Amino acid sequence: MAKKRPQTKAAAPQLKDGEVPVVGAREPCPCGSGRRYKACHGRAASHAVTELVQRPFEGLAGECDWVALRELVPAATIELTLKDGLPEGVPSVTLATVLPMAWPALRRDDGSVLLGLQNDTPSGDISRDLADTLTRALTAEPGTPVAAQRVDPQGPRLQDLLDPAAAFAPAVHSGFEFWVPDSENATPEVSASLERANAAAIPTVRLTSVDSSYWCETPDKNHLRWVMPHEEERLLDALARLHAAGTSSLGEGTRLVGSFRAHGLTVPVWDLPSAMTAEECEKPAAAFAERLASALADESPLTPEERRARGGLTNRQVTLS
């Protein structure tokens, strides 16, 4: 009985790490190792995808406003400028806080693109997730939404796609009518989503006297939430100096109550009287900005009173992301 000749397989070409495509976790790794992707090149890719980027909007024009639109502002839009210009057939690209049915993006019938910001993202880098969604939206069929998907950990980020010199001044809206150019002809699903979103939206206004500061109205009291670009420890020291000196408020009946920590930036929050409008915040906010600049420039050690004030501010800090 003749012996069976052992079968041999042609050696698969060995790919460099940069050439290995992303495949399903249980599929054979494209590098030719014979192992599943999740146990081979997928291991490093998974780590890259899940590793949290603390400041995903760093390097973008208007980083503080990106954070505000992601975490604080219900309804706002801003037209984005791409480094390489708009592709043919895409008249505009607009960033929006929220889209109907929480779509990550939408290619409208006229070819324009809406990119949603306040969505769950599949990786630890919001910038890369948004860039992936935007890239796919630019080539999607007009009139279709774009779904979320697992991103390539080596794919582009927003910083690679957007013009860093373009101005970033969001337009804040009272509702979500910007979703549809003709609300009367919207589908029942979109109309229902629009009605729910409008009912839940908190009235919000972006101040003009200072950067990245947003007034909002709630049933019990109003608030001012101000996203600041300064390094956290230095900013907390400066706020503590002002708080200990009794100059951290925005006028009678207002109070600095603490801060949020969001996407690597600090967001001080003030309670305001329910009768205090956004317009009435403008001058006090501008005056506070001048006091804060002086406190930030003070490099002397904190006094015991200032250290106690700092401890109180730190204890009232909430991390949003």
C-alpha atoms as a PDB file:
ATOM      1  CA  MET A   1       0.000   0.000   0.000  1.00  0.00           C
ATOM      2  CA  ALA A   2       1.568   3.186  -1.112  1.00  0.00           C
ATOM      3  CA  LYS A   3       2.251   5.799   1.489  1.00  0.00           C
ATOM      4  CA  LYS A   4       0.370   9.034   1.199  1.00  0.00           C
ATOM      5  CA  ARG A   5       2.581  11.886   0.310  1.00  0.00           C
ATOM      6  CA  PRO A   6       2.272  14.629   2.938  1.00  0.00           C
ATOM      7  CA  GLN A   7       0.369  17.574   1.607  1.00  0.00           C
ATOM      8  CA  THR A   8       2.022  20.927   1.704  1.00  0.00           C
ATOM      9  CA  LYS A   9       0.462  24.357   1.419  1.00  0.00           C
ATOM     10  CA  ALA A  10       2.023  27.175  -0.445  1.00  0.00           C
ATOM     11  CA  ALA A  11       3.436  29.679   1.980  1.00  0.00           C
ATOM     12  CA  ALA A  12       1.172  32.673   2.260  1.00  0.00           C
ATOM     13  CA  PRO A  13       2.853  35.967   1.552  1.00  0.00           C
ATOM     14  CA  GLN A  14       3.990  37.665   4.754  1.00  0.00           C
ATOM     15  CA  LEU A  15       2.573  41.152   4.925  1.00  0.00           C
ATOM     16  CA  LYS A  16       4.038  44.054   6.795  1.00  0.00           C
ATOM     17  CA  ASP A  17       2.036  45.365   9.711  1.00  0.00           C
ATOM     18  CA  GLY A  18       1.009  48.461   7.790  1.00  0.00           C
ATOM     19  CA  GLU A  19      -0.373  46.298   4.967  1.00  0.00           C
ATOM     20  CA  VAL A  20      -2.508  43.951   7.092  1.00  0.00           C
ATOM     21  CA  PRO A  21      -6.194  44.770   6.494  1.00  0.00           C
ATOM     22  CA  VAL A  22      -8.813  44.671   9.241  1.00  0.00           C
ATOM     23  CA  VAL A  23     -10.956  41.490   9.115  1.00  0.00           C
ATOM     24  CA  GLY A  24     -13.346  39.690  11.458  1.00  0.00           C
ATOM     25  CA  ALA A  25     -11.898  38.726  14.843  1.00  0.00           C
ATOM     26  CA  ARG A  26     -12.359  34.957  14.217  1.00  0.00           C
ATOM     27  CA  GLU A  27     -11.156  34.981  10.601  1.00  0.00           C
ATOM     28  CA  PRO A  28      -7.628  33.886   9.636  1.00  0.00           C
ATOM     29  CA  CYS A  29      -5.164  36.730   9.937  1.00  0.00           C
ATOM     30  CA  PRO A  30      -4.336  38.131   6.470  1.00  0.00           C
ATOM     31  CA  CYS A  31      -0.623  38.142   7.365  1.00  0.00           C
ATOM     32  CA  GLY A  32      -0.493  34.382   6.718  1.00  0.00           C
ATOM     33  CA  SER A  33       0.502  33.286  10.222  1.00  0.00           C
ATOM     34  CA  GLY A  34      -2.288  30.703  10.397  1.00  0.00           C
ATOM     35  CA  ARG A  35      -3.713  32.208  13.577  1.00  0.00           C
ATOM     36  CA  ARG A  36      -7.013  33.967  13.944  1.00  0.00           C
ATOM     37  CA  TYR A  37      -6.925  37.729  13.477  1.00  0.00           C
ATOM     38  CA  LYS A  38      -7.857  38.444  17.114  1.00  0.00           C
ATOM     39  CA  ALA A  39      -4.838  36.415  18.323  1.00  0.00           C
ATOM     40  CA  CYS A  40      -2.426  37.926  15.817  1.00  0.00           C
ATOM     41  CA  HIS A  41      -2.451  41.428  14.313  1.00  0.00           C
ATOM     42  CA  GLY A  42      -5.923  42.023  15.724  1.00  0.00           C
ATOM     43  CA  ARG A  43      -4.510  42.101  19.246  1.00  0.00           C
ATOM     44  CA  ALA A  44      -2.578  45.308  18.640  1.00  0.00           C
ATOM     45  CA  ALA A  45      -5.419  46.709  16.550  1.00  0.00           C
ATOM     46  CA  SER A  46      -7.909  46.031  19.350  1.00  0.00           C
ATOM     47  CA  HIS A  47      -5.693  47.792  21.861  1.00  0.00           C
ATOM     48  CA  ALA A  48      -5.353  50.782  19.546  1.00  0.00           C
ATOM     49  CA  VAL A  49      -9.110  50.942  19.044  1.00  0.00           C
ATOM     50  CA  THR A  50     -10.041  50.707  22.736  1.00  0.00           C
ATOM     51  CA  GLU A  51      -7.296  52.909  24.165  1.00  0.00           C
ATOM     52  CA  LEU A  52      -8.901  56.143  25.327  1.00  0.00           C
ATOM     53  CA  VAL A  53      -7.664  59.383  23.763  1.00  0.00           C
ATOM     54  CA  GLN A  54      -7.973  61.951  26.539  1.00  0.00           C
ATOM     55  CA  ARG A  55      -8.182  65.026  24.270  1.00  0.00           C
ATOM     56  CA  PRO A  56      -9.697  63.806  20.991  1.00  0.00           C
ATOM     57  CA  PHE A  57     -10.304  67.346  19.661  1.00  0.00           C
ATOM     58  CA  GLU A  58      -6.844  68.724  20.447  1.00  0.00           C
ATOM     59  CA  GLY A  59      -5.357  70.460  17.412  1.00  0.00           C
ATOM     60  CA  LEU A  60      -8.724  71.287  15.867  1.00  0.00           C
ATOM     61  CA  ALA A  61      -9.876  74.874  15.515  1.00  0.00           C
ATOM     62  CA  GLY A  62     -12.309  75.592  18.358  1.00  0.00           C
ATOM     63  CA  GLU A  63     -11.379  72.619  20.578  1.00  0.00           C
ATOM     64  CA  CYS A  64     -13.374  74.081  23.485  1.00  0.00           C
ATOM     65  CA  ASP A  65     -16.497  74.445  21.343  1.00  0.00           C
ATOM     66  CA  TRP A  66     -16.104  70.884  20.053  1.00  0.00           C
ATOM     67  CA  VAL A  67     -16.237  69.733  23.683  1.00  0.00           C
ATOM     68  CA  ALA A  68     -19.252  71.940  24.403  1.00  0.00           C
ATOM     69  CA  LEU A  69     -21.158  70.647  21.375  1.00  0.00           C
ATOM     70  CA  ARG A  70     -20.311  67.063  22.274  1.00  0.00           C
ATOM     71  CA  GLU A  71     -21.360  67.276  25.943  1.00  0.00           C
ATOM     72  CA  LEU A  72     -23.365  70.399  26.764  1.00  0.00           C
ATOM     73  CA  VAL A  73     -25.290  71.906  23.853  1.00  0.00           C
ATOM     74  CA  PRO A  74     -28.546  70.268  22.700  1.00  0.00           C
ATOM     75  CA  ALA A  75     -28.965  71.765  19.220  1.00  0.00           C
ATOM     76  CA  ALA A  76     -26.194  73.411  17.207  1.00  0.00           C
ATOM     77  CA  THR A  77     -24.599  73.259  13.774  1.00  0.00           C
ATOM     78  CA  ILE A  78     -21.472  74.529  12.052  1.00  0.00           C
ATOM     79  CA  GLU A  79     -20.241  74.154   8.503  1.00  0.00           C
ATOM     80  CA  LEU A  80     -16.936  72.284   8.313  1.00  0.00           C
ATOM     81  CA  THR A  81     -14.080  73.112   5.936  1.00  0.00           C
ATOM     82  CA  LEU A  82     -12.107  70.167   4.531  1.00  0.00           C
ATOM     83  CA  LYS A  83      -8.364  70.461   3.896  1.00  0.00           C
ATOM     84  CA  ASP A  84      -8.700  69.148   0.348  1.00  0.00           C
ATOM     85  CA  GLY A  85     -11.945  70.926  -0.435  1.00  0.00           C
ATOM     86  CA  LEU A  86     -15.366  69.388  -1.011  1.00  0.00           C
ATOM     87  CA  PRO A  87     -15.647  66.378  -3.336  1.00  0.00           C
ATOM     88  CA  GLU A  88     -17.686  66.736  -6.488  1.00  0.00           C
ATOM     89  CA  GLY A  89     -21.377  66.413  -5.744  1.00  0.00           C
ATOM     90  CA  VAL A  90     -21.028  67.416  -2.064  1.00  0.00           C
ATOM     91  CA  PRO A  91     -22.128  71.058  -1.706  1.00  0.00           C
ATOM     92  CA  SER A  92     -21.461  71.257   2.049  1.00  0.00           C
ATOM     93  CA  VAL A  93     -20.461  69.332   5.185  1.00  0.00           C
ATOM     94  CA  THR A  94     -22.192  70.369   8.396  1.00  0.00           C
ATOM     95  CA  LEU A  95     -21.438  69.221  11.924  1.00  0.00           C
ATOM     96  CA  ALA A  96     -24.592  68.798  14.026  1.00  0.00           C
ATOM     97  CA  THR A  97     -24.951  67.934  17.683  1.00  0.00           C
ATOM     98  CA  VAL A  98     -27.644  65.306  17.052  1.00  0.00           C
ATOM     99  CA  LEU A  99     -29.264  63.767  13.962  1.00  0.00           C
ATOM    100  CA  PRO A 100     -32.638  62.001  13.552  1.00  0.00           C
ATOM    101  CA  MET A 101     -32.776  58.515  15.073  1.00  0.00           C
ATOM    102  CA  ALA A 102     -29.238  59.161  16.396  1.00  0.00           C
ATOM    103  CA  TRP A 103     -27.740  58.529  12.935  1.00  0.00           C
ATOM    104  CA  PRO A 104     -23.944  59.000  12.924  1.00  0.00           C
ATOM    105  CA  ALA A 105     -24.227  60.849   9.594  1.00  0.00           C
ATOM    106  CA  LEU A 106     -26.655  61.593   6.798  1.00  0.00           C
ATOM    107  CA  ARG A 107     -26.127  62.209   3.081  1.00  0.00           C
ATOM    108  CA  ARG A 108     -29.039  64.392   2.062  1.00  0.00           C
ATOM    109  CA  ASP A 109     -30.874  64.181  -1.236  1.00  0.00           C
ATOM    110  CA  ASP A 110     -28.958  67.208  -2.539  1.00  0.00           C
ATOM    111  CA  GLY A 111     -25.619  65.507  -1.744  1.00  0.00           C
ATOM    112  CA  SER A 112     -24.797  67.599   1.334  1.00  0.00           C
ATOM    113  CA  VAL A 113     -23.530  65.811   4.455  1.00  0.00           C
ATOM    114  CA  LEU A 114     -24.648  66.124   8.076  1.00  0.00           C
ATOM    115  CA  LEU A 115     -22.221  64.652  10.641  1.00  0.00           C
ATOM    116  CA  GLY A 116     -23.608  63.861  14.107  1.00  0.00           C
ATOM    117  CA  LEU A 117     -21.396  64.562  17.118  1.00  0.00           C
ATOM    118  CA  GLN A 118     -23.332  63.251  20.131  1.00  0.00           C
ATOM    119  CA  ASN A 119     -23.268  59.549  19.282  1.00  0.00           C
ATOM    120  CA  ASP A 120     -21.822  56.504  20.962  1.00  0.00           C
ATOM    121  CA  THR A 121     -18.497  55.726  19.318  1.00  0.00           C
ATOM    122  CA  PRO A 122     -17.005  52.246  18.803  1.00  0.00           C
ATOM    123  CA  SER A 123     -13.439  53.129  19.809  1.00  0.00           C
ATOM    124  CA  GLY A 124     -11.612  55.192  22.388  1.00  0.00           C
ATOM    125  CA  ASP A 125     -10.797  57.924  19.880  1.00  0.00           C
ATOM    126  CA  ILE A 126     -13.828  60.040  19.027  1.00  0.00           C
ATOM    127  CA  SER A 127     -11.838  61.953  16.421  1.00  0.00           C
ATOM    128  CA  ARG A 128     -10.980  58.796  14.464  1.00  0.00           C
ATOM    129  CA  ASP A 129     -14.549  57.505  14.713  1.00  0.00           C
ATOM    130  CA  LEU A 130     -15.963  60.766  13.377  1.00  0.00           C
ATOM    131  CA  ALA A 131     -13.384  60.896  10.588  1.00  0.00           C
ATOM    132  CA  ASP A 132     -14.328  57.375   9.516  1.00  0.00           C
ATOM    133  CA  THR A 133     -18.024  58.261   9.498  1.00  0.00           C
ATOM    134  CA  LEU A 134     -17.369  61.482   7.573  1.00  0.00           C
ATOM    135  CA  THR A 135     -15.239  59.719   4.969  1.00  0.00           C
ATOM    136  CA  ARG A 136     -17.968  57.169   4.306  1.00  0.00           C
ATOM    137  CA  ALA A 137     -20.686  59.839   4.256  1.00  0.00           C
ATOM    138  CA  LEU A 138     -18.882  61.737   1.479  1.00  0.00           C
ATOM    139  CA  THR A 139     -19.325  58.754  -0.860  1.00  0.00           C
ATOM    140  CA  ALA A 140     -22.691  57.461   0.404  1.00  0.00           C
ATOM    141  CA  GLU A 141     -25.704  57.454  -1.886  1.00  0.00           C
ATOM    142  CA  PRO A 142     -27.678  60.712  -1.608  1.00  0.00           C
ATOM    143  CA  GLY A 143     -30.697  60.358   0.652  1.00  0.00           C
ATOM    144  CA  THR A 144     -29.197  57.691   2.917  1.00  0.00           C
ATOM    145  CA  PRO A 145     -27.982  57.634   6.548  1.00  0.00           C
ATOM    146  CA  VAL A 146     -24.537  56.305   7.460  1.00  0.00           C
ATOM    147  CA  ALA A 147     -24.300  53.639  10.162  1.00  0.00           C
ATOM    148  CA  ALA A 148     -21.538  53.223  12.735  1.00  0.00           C
ATOM    149  CA  GLN A 149     -18.891  50.561  12.226  1.00  0.00           C
ATOM    150  CA  ARG A 150     -15.627  49.332  13.716  1.00  0.00           C
ATOM    151  CA  VAL A 151     -12.875  51.701  12.614  1.00  0.00           C
ATOM    152  CA  ASP A 152      -9.428  51.021  11.256  1.00  0.00           C
ATOM    153  CA  PRO A 153      -7.041  51.931  14.126  1.00  0.00           C
ATOM    154  CA  GLN A 154      -4.655  53.360  11.533  1.00  0.00           C
ATOM    155  CA  GLY A 155      -7.342  55.374   9.769  1.00  0.00           C
ATOM    156  CA  PRO A 156      -7.437  59.174   9.534  1.00  0.00           C
ATOM    157  CA  ARG A 157      -8.614  61.464  12.326  1.00  0.00           C
ATOM    158  CA  LEU A 158     -10.545  64.716  12.046  1.00  0.00           C
ATOM    159  CA  GLN A 159      -7.229  66.535  12.399  1.00  0.00           C
ATOM    160  CA  ASP A 160      -6.192  64.924   9.101  1.00  0.00           C
ATOM    161  CA  LEU A 161      -9.370  65.915   7.249  1.00  0.00           C
ATOM    162  CA  LEU A 162     -10.352  69.384   8.506  1.00  0.00           C
ATOM    163  CA  ASP A 163      -8.724  72.735   7.749  1.00  0.00           C
ATOM    164  CA  PRO A 164      -7.108  73.907  11.023  1.00  0.00           C
ATOM    165  CA  ALA A 165      -7.224  77.549   9.893  1.00  0.00           C
ATOM    166  CA  ALA A 166     -10.996  77.610   9.374  1.00  0.00           C
ATOM    167  CA  ALA A 167     -13.079  79.537  11.901  1.00  0.00           C
ATOM    168  CA  PHE A 168     -15.210  77.520  14.309  1.00  0.00           C
ATOM    169  CA  ALA A 169     -18.201  79.490  15.613  1.00  0.00           C
ATOM    170  CA  PRO A 170     -21.237  77.227  16.131  1.00  0.00           C
ATOM    171  CA  ALA A 171     -24.779  78.369  15.489  1.00  0.00           C
ATOM    172  CA  VAL A 172     -26.942  77.374  18.461  1.00  0.00           C
ATOM    173  CA  HIS A 173     -30.586  76.581  17.658  1.00  0.00           C
ATOM    174  CA  SER A 174     -33.728  76.500  19.774  1.00  0.00           C
ATOM    175  CA  GLY A 175     -34.766  73.202  18.173  1.00  0.00           C
ATOM    176  CA  PHE A 176     -33.845  70.621  15.556  1.00  0.00           C
ATOM    177  CA  GLU A 177     -35.673  71.952  12.514  1.00  0.00           C
ATOM    178  CA  PHE A 178     -32.313  72.029  10.723  1.00  0.00           C
ATOM    179  CA  TRP A 179     -32.672  68.251  10.343  1.00  0.00           C
ATOM    180  CA  VAL A 180     -35.046  68.570   7.410  1.00  0.00           C
ATOM    181  CA  PRO A 181     -35.297  71.399   4.879  1.00  0.00           C
ATOM    182  CA  ASP A 182     -39.000  70.629   4.427  1.00  0.00           C
ATOM    183  CA  SER A 183     -40.449  69.356   7.709  1.00  0.00           C
ATOM    184  CA  GLU A 184     -43.948  69.026   6.242  1.00  0.00           C
ATOM    185  CA  ASN A 185     -42.752  66.263   3.922  1.00  0.00           C
ATOM    186  CA  ALA A 186     -40.600  64.435   6.487  1.00  0.00           C
ATOM    187  CA  THR A 187     -41.204  60.733   7.099  1.00  0.00           C
ATOM    188  CA  PRO A 188     -43.289  59.799  10.171  1.00  0.00           C
ATOM    189  CA  GLU A 189     -40.180  58.396  11.874  1.00  0.00           C
ATOM    190  CA  VAL A 190     -38.211  61.612  11.381  1.00  0.00           C
ATOM    191  CA  SER A 191     -41.183  63.750  12.426  1.00  0.00           C
ATOM    192  CA  ALA A 192     -41.611  61.753  15.643  1.00  0.00           C
ATOM    193  CA  SER A 193     -37.891  61.948  16.375  1.00  0.00           C
ATOM    194  CA  LEU A 194     -37.949  65.706  15.743  1.00  0.00           C
ATOM    195  CA  GLU A 195     -40.879  66.186  18.116  1.00  0.00           C
ATOM    196  CA  ARG A 196     -39.182  64.196  20.895  1.00  0.00           C
ATOM    197  CA  ALA A 197     -35.886  66.039  20.463  1.00  0.00           C
ATOM    198  CA  ASN A 198     -37.512  69.481  20.510  1.00  0.00           C
ATOM    199  CA  ALA A 199     -39.434  68.610  23.673  1.00  0.00           C
ATOM    200  CA  ALA A 200     -36.233  67.574  25.483  1.00  0.00           C
ATOM    201  CA  ALA A 201     -33.995  70.445  24.310  1.00  0.00           C
ATOM    202  CA  ILE A 202     -32.819  72.839  27.029  1.00  0.00           C
ATOM    203  CA  PRO A 203     -32.777  76.492  25.855  1.00  0.00           C
ATOM    204  CA  THR A 204     -29.109  77.353  25.315  1.00  0.00           C
ATOM    205  CA  VAL A 205     -27.249  80.463  24.128  1.00  0.00           C
ATOM    206  CA  ARG A 206     -23.559  80.885  23.255  1.00  0.00           C
ATOM    207  CA  LEU A 207     -22.124  84.096  24.731  1.00  0.00           C
ATOM    208  CA  THR A 208     -20.360  86.515  22.392  1.00  0.00           C
ATOM    209  CA  SER A 209     -18.179  88.395  24.915  1.00  0.00           C
ATOM    210  CA  VAL A 210     -16.031  85.350  25.778  1.00  0.00           C
ATOM    211  CA  ASP A 211     -15.116  82.115  24.023  1.00  0.00           C
ATOM    212  CA  SER A 212     -16.862  78.763  24.464  1.00  0.00           C
ATOM    213  CA  SER A 213     -19.269  79.898  27.182  1.00  0.00           C
ATOM    214  CA  TYR A 214     -22.883  78.699  27.128  1.00  0.00           C
ATOM    215  CA  TRP A 215     -25.890  79.950  29.082  1.00  0.00           C
ATOM    216  CA  CYS A 216     -28.727  77.496  29.595  1.00  0.00           C
ATOM    217  CA  GLU A 217     -32.173  77.681  31.152  1.00  0.00           C
ATOM    218  CA  THR A 218     -33.590  75.011  33.453  1.00  0.00           C
ATOM    219  CA  PRO A 219     -36.842  75.009  35.446  1.00  0.00           C
ATOM    220  CA  ASP A 220     -35.277  75.846  38.830  1.00  0.00           C
ATOM    221  CA  LYS A 221     -32.303  78.043  37.905  1.00  0.00           C
ATOM    222  CA  ASN A 222     -30.152  79.029  34.974  1.00  0.00           C
ATOM    223  CA  HIS A 223     -26.513  78.054  34.490  1.00  0.00           C
ATOM    224  CA  LEU A 224     -23.387  79.222  32.716  1.00  0.00           C
ATOM    225  CA  ARG A 225     -21.024  76.467  31.550  1.00  0.00           C
ATOM    226  CA  TRP A 226     -17.699  77.663  30.228  1.00  0.00           C
ATOM    227  CA  VAL A 227     -15.234  75.305  28.507  1.00  0.00           C
ATOM    228  CA  MET A 228     -11.691  76.553  29.159  1.00  0.00           C
ATOM    229  CA  PRO A 229      -8.454  75.594  27.373  1.00  0.00           C
ATOM    230  CA  HIS A 230      -6.096  76.073  30.332  1.00  0.00           C
ATOM    231  CA  GLU A 231      -4.185  73.213  31.946  1.00  0.00           C
ATOM    232  CA  GLU A 232      -6.397  71.768  34.683  1.00  0.00           C
ATOM    233  CA  GLU A 233      -4.154  72.168  37.743  1.00  0.00           C
ATOM    234  CA  ARG A 234      -3.243  75.721  36.819  1.00  0.00           C
ATOM    235  CA  LEU A 235      -6.884  76.616  36.173  1.00  0.00           C
ATOM    236  CA  LEU A 236      -8.052  75.143  39.494  1.00  0.00           C
ATOM    237  CA  ASP A 237      -5.383  77.164  41.313  1.00  0.00           C
ATOM    238  CA  ALA A 238      -6.598  80.342  39.598  1.00  0.00           C
ATOM    239  CA  LEU A 239     -10.251  79.614  40.353  1.00  0.00           C
ATOM    240  CA  ALA A 240      -9.340  78.903  43.981  1.00  0.00           C
ATOM    241  CA  ARG A 241      -7.582  82.277  44.267  1.00  0.00           C
ATOM    242  CA  LEU A 242     -10.676  84.044  42.967  1.00  0.00           C
ATOM    243  CA  HIS A 243     -13.035  81.969  45.103  1.00  0.00           C
ATOM    244  CA  ALA A 244     -11.071  82.689  48.287  1.00  0.00           C
ATOM    245  CA  ALA A 245     -11.050  86.385  47.431  1.00  0.00           C
ATOM    246  CA  GLY A 246     -14.818  86.400  46.890  1.00  0.00           C
ATOM    247  CA  THR A 247     -14.480  87.332  43.211  1.00  0.00           C
ATOM    248  CA  SER A 248     -15.422  84.034  41.513  1.00  0.00           C
ATOM    249  CA  SER A 249     -19.091  84.909  40.975  1.00  0.00           C
ATOM    250  CA  LEU A 250     -20.716  86.618  38.009  1.00  0.00           C
ATOM    251  CA  GLY A 251     -22.652  89.107  40.100  1.00  0.00           C
ATOM    252  CA  GLU A 252     -25.368  89.164  42.722  1.00  0.00           C
ATOM    253  CA  GLY A 253     -27.187  85.866  43.132  1.00  0.00           C
ATOM    254  CA  THR A 254     -24.628  83.897  41.091  1.00  0.00           C
ATOM    255  CA  ARG A 255     -22.212  81.280  42.387  1.00  0.00           C
ATOM    256  CA  LEU A 256     -19.344  79.179  41.045  1.00  0.00           C
ATOM    257  CA  VAL A 257     -20.550  75.708  42.061  1.00  0.00           C
ATOM    258  CA  GLY A 258     -17.893  73.414  40.590  1.00  0.00           C
ATOM    259  CA  SER A 259     -16.764  72.103  37.241  1.00  0.00           C
ATOM    260  CA  PHE A 260     -16.990  69.299  34.730  1.00  0.00           C
ATOM    261  CA  ARG A 261     -14.003  67.483  33.285  1.00  0.00           C
ATOM    262  CA  ALA A 262     -14.703  66.627  29.645  1.00  0.00           C
ATOM    263  CA  HIS A 263     -12.363  65.317  26.919  1.00  0.00           C
ATOM    264  CA  GLY A 264      -9.263  66.627  28.690  1.00  0.00           C
ATOM    265  CA  LEU A 265     -10.636  70.122  29.383  1.00  0.00           C
ATOM    266  CA  THR A 266     -12.187  71.758  32.455  1.00  0.00           C
ATOM    267  CA  VAL A 267     -15.669  73.307  32.374  1.00  0.00           C
ATOM    268  CA  PRO A 268     -16.441  75.646  35.315  1.00  0.00           C
ATOM    269  CA  VAL A 269     -20.158  75.934  36.096  1.00  0.00           C
ATOM    270  CA  TRP A 270     -22.064  78.822  37.680  1.00  0.00           C
ATOM    271  CA  ASP A 271     -25.561  78.819  39.129  1.00  0.00           C
ATOM    272  CA  LEU A 272     -27.537  81.860  38.004  1.00  0.00           C
ATOM    273  CA  PRO A 273     -30.860  83.326  39.121  1.00  0.00           C
ATOM    274  CA  SER A 274     -33.750  82.073  36.994  1.00  0.00           C
ATOM    275  CA  ALA A 275     -34.378  85.644  35.839  1.00  0.00           C
ATOM    276  CA  MET A 276     -30.806  86.196  34.591  1.00  0.00           C
ATOM    277  CA  THR A 277     -30.728  86.069  30.795  1.00  0.00           C
ATOM    278  CA  ALA A 278     -27.835  85.227  28.496  1.00  0.00           C
ATOM    279  CA  GLU A 279     -27.520  88.892  27.530  1.00  0.00           C
ATOM    280  CA  GLU A 280     -27.169  89.848  31.189  1.00  0.00           C
ATOM    281  CA  CYS A 281     -24.250  87.394  31.502  1.00  0.00           C
ATOM    282  CA  GLU A 282     -22.147  89.068  28.814  1.00  0.00           C
ATOM    283  CA  LYS A 283     -20.550  91.900  30.824  1.00  0.00           C
ATOM    284  CA  PRO A 284     -20.016  89.860  34.037  1.00  0.00           C
ATOM    285  CA  ALA A 285     -18.413  87.065  32.006  1.00  0.00           C
ATOM    286  CA  ALA A 286     -16.053  89.481  30.253  1.00  0.00           C
ATOM    287  CA  ALA A 287     -15.074  91.009  33.614  1.00  0.00           C
ATOM    288  CA  PHE A 288     -14.492  87.550  35.068  1.00  0.00           C
ATOM    289  CA  ALA A 289     -12.238  86.666  32.126  1.00  0.00           C
ATOM    290  CA  GLU A 290      -9.993  89.604  33.052  1.00  0.00           C
ATOM    291  CA  ARG A 291      -9.835  88.527  36.707  1.00  0.00           C
ATOM    292  CA  LEU A 292      -9.095  84.958  35.671  1.00  0.00           C
ATOM    293  CA  ALA A 293      -6.230  86.071  33.405  1.00  0.00           C
ATOM    294  CA  SER A 294      -4.603  87.854  36.348  1.00  0.00           C
ATOM    295  CA  ALA A 295      -5.090  84.821  38.609  1.00  0.00           C
ATOM    296  CA  LEU A 296      -3.595  82.495  35.985  1.00  0.00           C
ATOM    297  CA  ALA A 297      -0.502  84.707  35.836  1.00  0.00           C
ATOM    298  CA  ASP A 298      -0.027  84.498  39.633  1.00  0.00           C
ATOM    299  CA  GLU A 299       2.602  81.823  40.343  1.00  0.00           C
ATOM    300  CA  SER A 300       2.871  82.371  44.104  1.00  0.00           C
ATOM    301  CA  PRO A 301       2.018  79.448  46.439  1.00  0.00           C
ATOM    302  CA  LEU A 302      -1.621  79.153  47.454  1.00  0.00           C
ATOM    303  CA  THR A 303      -2.535  80.507  50.873  1.00  0.00           C
ATOM    304  CA  PRO A 304      -4.300  78.218  53.384  1.00  0.00           C
ATOM    305  CA  GLU A 305      -7.637  79.832  52.465  1.00  0.00           C
ATOM    306  CA  GLU A 306      -6.954  79.327  48.761  1.00  0.00           C
ATOM    307  CA  ARG A 307      -5.988  75.678  49.334  1.00  0.00           C
ATOM    308  CA  ARG A 308      -9.277  75.090  51.165  1.00  0.00           C
ATOM    309  CA  ALA A 309     -11.155  76.765  48.323  1.00  0.00           C
ATOM    310  CA  ARG A 310      -9.325  74.571  45.828  1.00  0.00           C
ATOM    311  CA  GLY A 311     -10.223  71.452  47.772  1.00  0.00           C
ATOM    312  CA  GLY A 312     -13.877  72.438  47.688  1.00  0.00           C
ATOM    313  CA  LEU A 313     -13.774  73.014  43.927  1.00  0.00           C
ATOM    314  CA  THR A 314     -11.999  69.694  43.356  1.00  0.00           C
ATOM    315  CA  ASN A 315     -14.579  67.812  45.448  1.00  0.00           C
ATOM    316  CA  ARG A 316     -17.336  69.258  43.286  1.00  0.00           C
ATOM    317  CA  GLN A 317     -15.731  68.260  39.989  1.00  0.00           C
ATOM    318  CA  VAL A 318     -17.592  65.736  37.839  1.00  0.00           C
ATOM    319  CA  THR A 319     -16.001  63.831  34.956  1.00  0.00           C
ATOM    320  CA  LEU A 320     -18.216  63.591  31.870  1.00  0.00           C
ATOM    321  CA  SER A 321     -15.779  61.659  29.669  1.00  0.00           C
END
